[in-house]
Amino acid sequence: MALTNEEILAGLAELVNEETGIAADTVTADKSFTDDLDIDSISMMTIVVNAESKFDVEIPDSEVENLKTVQDAVSFIAAAQA
């Protein structure tokens, strides 16, 4: 069964917290990974790989650059699960 956007957001927040130490409750849908959360490309790739495993989806490298905000990632994962 596909997860809700809220469940995906919570899961992503956990992954961001594990990788960067940023408090999960500060990872909200409107945040930019680079501008607001200060996540570099190496950490972003780790988060993507972990998200692929956690949510059982494939996120092509060509798509990663389009995931600017947390909401972008939530939307992509939700669509990939469908």
N, C-alpha and C. Protein backbone atom coordinates (compact mmCIF):
# COMPACT_ATOMS: atom_id res chain seq x y z
N MET A 1 0.83 -1.19 0.00
CA MET A 1 0.00 0.00 0.00
C MET A 1 0.87 1.25 0.00
N ALA A 2 0.52 2.20 -0.83
CA ALA A 2 1.30 3.43 -0.93
C ALA A 2 1.17 4.25 0.36
N LEU A 3 2.24 4.88 0.71
CA LEU A 3 2.25 5.74 1.89
C LEU A 3 1.60 7.08 1.57
N THR A 4 1.09 7.74 2.60
CA THR A 4 0.55 9.09 2.42
C THR A 4 1.72 10.08 2.32
N ASN A 5 1.41 11.28 1.82
CA ASN A 5 2.44 12.31 1.76
C ASN A 5 3.02 12.61 3.14
N GLU A 6 2.17 12.57 4.15
CA GLU A 6 2.64 12.84 5.52
C GLU A 6 3.62 11.76 5.98
N GLU A 7 3.33 10.51 5.63
CA GLU A 7 4.23 9.40 6.01
C GLU A 7 5.55 9.51 5.26
N ILE A 8 5.48 9.88 3.98
CA ILE A 8 6.71 10.06 3.19
C ILE A 8 7.53 11.21 3.77
N LEU A 9 6.87 12.31 4.09
CA LEU A 9 7.57 13.47 4.67
C LEU A 9 8.26 13.08 5.98
N ALA A 10 7.56 12.35 6.84
CA ALA A 10 8.15 11.92 8.12
C ALA A 10 9.36 11.01 7.87
N GLY A 11 9.23 10.12 6.90
CA GLY A 11 10.34 9.22 6.58
C GLY A 11 11.54 9.97 6.03
N LEU A 12 11.29 10.93 5.15
CA LEU A 12 12.38 11.75 4.61
C LEU A 12 13.05 12.56 5.72
N ALA A 13 12.24 13.10 6.61
CA ALA A 13 12.79 13.88 7.73
C ALA A 13 13.73 13.02 8.57
N GLU A 14 13.34 11.76 8.80
CA GLU A 14 14.21 10.82 9.53
C GLU A 14 15.52 10.61 8.80
N LEU A 15 15.44 10.41 7.47
CA LEU A 15 16.65 10.18 6.69
C LEU A 15 17.57 11.40 6.71
N VAL A 16 16.98 12.58 6.59
CA VAL A 16 17.78 13.82 6.64
C VAL A 16 18.44 13.95 8.00
N ASN A 17 17.69 13.64 9.05
CA ASN A 17 18.24 13.70 10.41
C ASN A 17 19.40 12.73 10.58
N GLU A 18 19.24 11.50 10.10
CA GLU A 18 20.30 10.50 10.23
C GLU A 18 21.56 10.92 9.49
N GLU A 19 21.39 11.52 8.31
CA GLU A 19 22.54 11.89 7.48
C GLU A 19 23.21 13.18 7.95
N THR A 20 22.41 14.16 8.40
CA THR A 20 22.96 15.50 8.64
C THR A 20 22.90 15.96 10.09
N GLY A 21 22.05 15.30 10.89
CA GLY A 21 21.87 15.75 12.27
C GLY A 21 20.84 16.87 12.39
N ILE A 22 20.26 17.29 11.27
CA ILE A 22 19.22 18.33 11.31
C ILE A 22 17.99 17.73 11.98
N ALA A 23 17.41 18.46 12.92
CA ALA A 23 16.24 17.96 13.64
C ALA A 23 15.12 17.63 12.66
N ALA A 24 14.56 16.43 12.81
CA ALA A 24 13.52 15.96 11.88
C ALA A 24 12.33 16.92 11.84
N ASP A 25 12.00 17.54 12.97
CA ASP A 25 10.81 18.41 12.99
C ASP A 25 11.04 19.74 12.26
N THR A 26 12.28 20.01 11.84
CA THR A 26 12.54 21.22 11.06
C THR A 26 12.52 20.93 9.56
N VAL A 27 12.43 19.65 9.19
CA VAL A 27 12.38 19.26 7.78
C VAL A 27 10.92 19.28 7.35
N THR A 28 10.50 20.40 6.76
CA THR A 28 9.12 20.57 6.34
C THR A 28 9.05 20.63 4.82
N ALA A 29 7.85 20.43 4.29
CA ALA A 29 7.65 20.31 2.84
C ALA A 29 8.16 21.53 2.07
N ASP A 30 8.09 22.71 2.67
CA ASP A 30 8.46 23.93 1.95
C ASP A 30 9.96 24.23 1.97
N LYS A 31 10.74 23.41 2.65
CA LYS A 31 12.19 23.68 2.76
C LYS A 31 12.94 23.22 1.51
N SER A 32 13.91 24.04 1.13
CA SER A 32 14.83 23.68 0.05
C SER A 32 15.96 22.86 0.65
N PHE A 33 16.33 21.76 -0.02
CA PHE A 33 17.41 20.92 0.51
C PHE A 33 18.72 21.70 0.61
N THR A 34 19.04 22.51 -0.39
CA THR A 34 20.32 23.22 -0.39
C THR A 34 20.24 24.56 0.33
N ASP A 35 19.21 25.37 0.02
CA ASP A 35 19.16 26.72 0.57
C ASP A 35 18.76 26.75 2.04
N ASP A 36 17.74 25.97 2.41
CA ASP A 36 17.23 26.03 3.79
C ASP A 36 17.90 25.02 4.71
N LEU A 37 18.15 23.82 4.19
CA LEU A 37 18.69 22.74 5.03
C LEU A 37 20.20 22.58 4.87
N ASP A 38 20.78 23.29 3.90
CA ASP A 38 22.24 23.30 3.69
C ASP A 38 22.79 21.89 3.48
N ILE A 39 22.09 21.10 2.66
CA ILE A 39 22.52 19.73 2.36
C ILE A 39 23.37 19.76 1.10
N ASP A 40 24.60 19.23 1.20
CA ASP A 40 25.48 19.22 0.03
C ASP A 40 25.17 18.02 -0.86
N SER A 41 25.80 18.01 -2.03
CA SER A 41 25.46 16.98 -3.03
C SER A 41 25.79 15.57 -2.56
N ILE A 42 26.85 15.41 -1.79
CA ILE A 42 27.21 14.08 -1.29
C ILE A 42 26.17 13.59 -0.30
N SER A 43 25.78 14.43 0.64
CA SER A 43 24.74 14.06 1.60
C SER A 43 23.42 13.80 0.88
N MET A 44 23.13 14.60 -0.14
CA MET A 44 21.89 14.43 -0.89
C MET A 44 21.85 13.06 -1.56
N MET A 45 22.98 12.64 -2.13
CA MET A 45 23.01 11.32 -2.78
C MET A 45 22.80 10.21 -1.75
N THR A 46 23.37 10.36 -0.57
CA THR A 46 23.17 9.37 0.48
C THR A 46 21.70 9.32 0.88
N ILE A 47 21.08 10.48 1.02
CA ILE A 47 19.65 10.55 1.37
C ILE A 47 18.82 9.88 0.27
N VAL A 48 19.17 10.14 -0.99
CA VAL A 48 18.44 9.54 -2.12
C VAL A 48 18.55 8.02 -2.09
N VAL A 49 19.77 7.52 -1.91
CA VAL A 49 19.97 6.06 -1.87
C VAL A 49 19.18 5.45 -0.71
N ASN A 50 19.23 6.09 0.44
CA ASN A 50 18.48 5.58 1.60
C ASN A 50 16.97 5.68 1.38
N ALA A 51 16.53 6.73 0.70
CA ALA A 51 15.10 6.89 0.40
C ALA A 51 14.63 5.81 -0.58
N GLU A 52 15.48 5.48 -1.55
CA GLU A 52 15.13 4.42 -2.49
C GLU A 52 14.88 3.12 -1.75
N SER A 53 15.74 2.84 -0.80
CA SER A 53 15.61 1.61 0.00
C SER A 53 14.40 1.67 0.92
N LYS A 54 14.26 2.78 1.63
CA LYS A 54 13.18 2.93 2.60
C LYS A 54 11.80 2.87 1.96
N PHE A 55 11.65 3.54 0.80
CA PHE A 55 10.34 3.66 0.16
C PHE A 55 10.16 2.69 -1.01
N ASP A 56 11.19 1.87 -1.28
CA ASP A 56 11.13 0.88 -2.36
C ASP A 56 10.77 1.54 -3.70
N VAL A 57 11.50 2.60 -4.03
CA VAL A 57 11.32 3.29 -5.31
C VAL A 57 12.70 3.48 -5.94
N GLU A 58 12.70 3.80 -7.21
CA GLU A 58 13.95 4.13 -7.90
C GLU A 58 13.92 5.61 -8.25
N ILE A 59 14.98 6.32 -7.85
CA ILE A 59 15.10 7.74 -8.16
C ILE A 59 16.32 7.89 -9.08
N PRO A 60 16.07 8.04 -10.39
CA PRO A 60 17.20 8.15 -11.33
C PRO A 60 18.06 9.38 -11.02
N ASP A 61 19.37 9.24 -11.27
CA ASP A 61 20.28 10.36 -11.03
C ASP A 61 19.81 11.62 -11.75
N SER A 62 19.23 11.44 -12.94
CA SER A 62 18.77 12.60 -13.71
C SER A 62 17.61 13.32 -13.01
N GLU A 63 16.89 12.63 -12.13
CA GLU A 63 15.78 13.24 -11.41
C GLU A 63 16.24 13.97 -10.15
N VAL A 64 17.37 13.56 -9.59
CA VAL A 64 17.82 14.12 -8.31
C VAL A 64 17.97 15.63 -8.39
N GLU A 65 18.49 16.13 -9.50
CA GLU A 65 18.68 17.58 -9.63
C GLU A 65 17.36 18.34 -9.66
N ASN A 66 16.26 17.65 -9.95
CA ASN A 66 14.94 18.29 -9.95
C ASN A 66 14.30 18.31 -8.56
N LEU A 67 14.90 17.61 -7.62
CA LEU A 67 14.35 17.55 -6.26
C LEU A 67 14.94 18.70 -5.44
N LYS A 68 14.40 19.88 -5.66
CA LYS A 68 14.93 21.08 -5.00
C LYS A 68 14.40 21.23 -3.57
N THR A 69 13.12 20.91 -3.40
CA THR A 69 12.51 21.08 -2.08
C THR A 69 12.11 19.71 -1.53
N VAL A 70 11.82 19.69 -0.25
CA VAL A 70 11.35 18.47 0.38
C VAL A 70 10.05 18.02 -0.28
N GLN A 71 9.17 18.98 -0.62
CA GLN A 71 7.92 18.63 -1.30
C GLN A 71 8.17 17.97 -2.65
N ASP A 72 9.19 18.44 -3.38
CA ASP A 72 9.53 17.80 -4.66
C ASP A 72 9.82 16.32 -4.46
N ALA A 73 10.59 16.02 -3.42
CA ALA A 73 10.95 14.63 -3.13
C ALA A 73 9.72 13.82 -2.69
N VAL A 74 8.89 14.42 -1.84
CA VAL A 74 7.67 13.74 -1.40
C VAL A 74 6.78 13.42 -2.61
N SER A 75 6.60 14.38 -3.49
CA SER A 75 5.76 14.19 -4.68
C SER A 75 6.33 13.11 -5.60
N PHE A 76 7.65 13.13 -5.78
CA PHE A 76 8.27 12.14 -6.65
C PHE A 76 8.09 10.74 -6.07
N ILE A 77 8.35 10.58 -4.80
CA ILE A 77 8.22 9.26 -4.16
C ILE A 77 6.77 8.78 -4.20
N ALA A 78 5.83 9.68 -3.93
CA ALA A 78 4.41 9.31 -3.97
C ALA A 78 4.02 8.83 -5.36
N ALA A 79 4.48 9.53 -6.40
CA ALA A 79 4.17 9.14 -7.77
C ALA A 79 4.85 7.84 -8.14
N ALA A 80 6.08 7.64 -7.66
CA ALA A 80 6.83 6.42 -7.99
C ALA A 80 6.21 5.19 -7.33
N GLN A 81 5.50 5.38 -6.23
CA GLN A 81 4.87 4.26 -5.54
C GLN A 81 3.58 3.84 -6.23
N ALA A 82 2.98 4.75 -6.97
CA ALA A 82 1.66 4.48 -7.56
C ALA A 82 1.73 3.40 -8.63
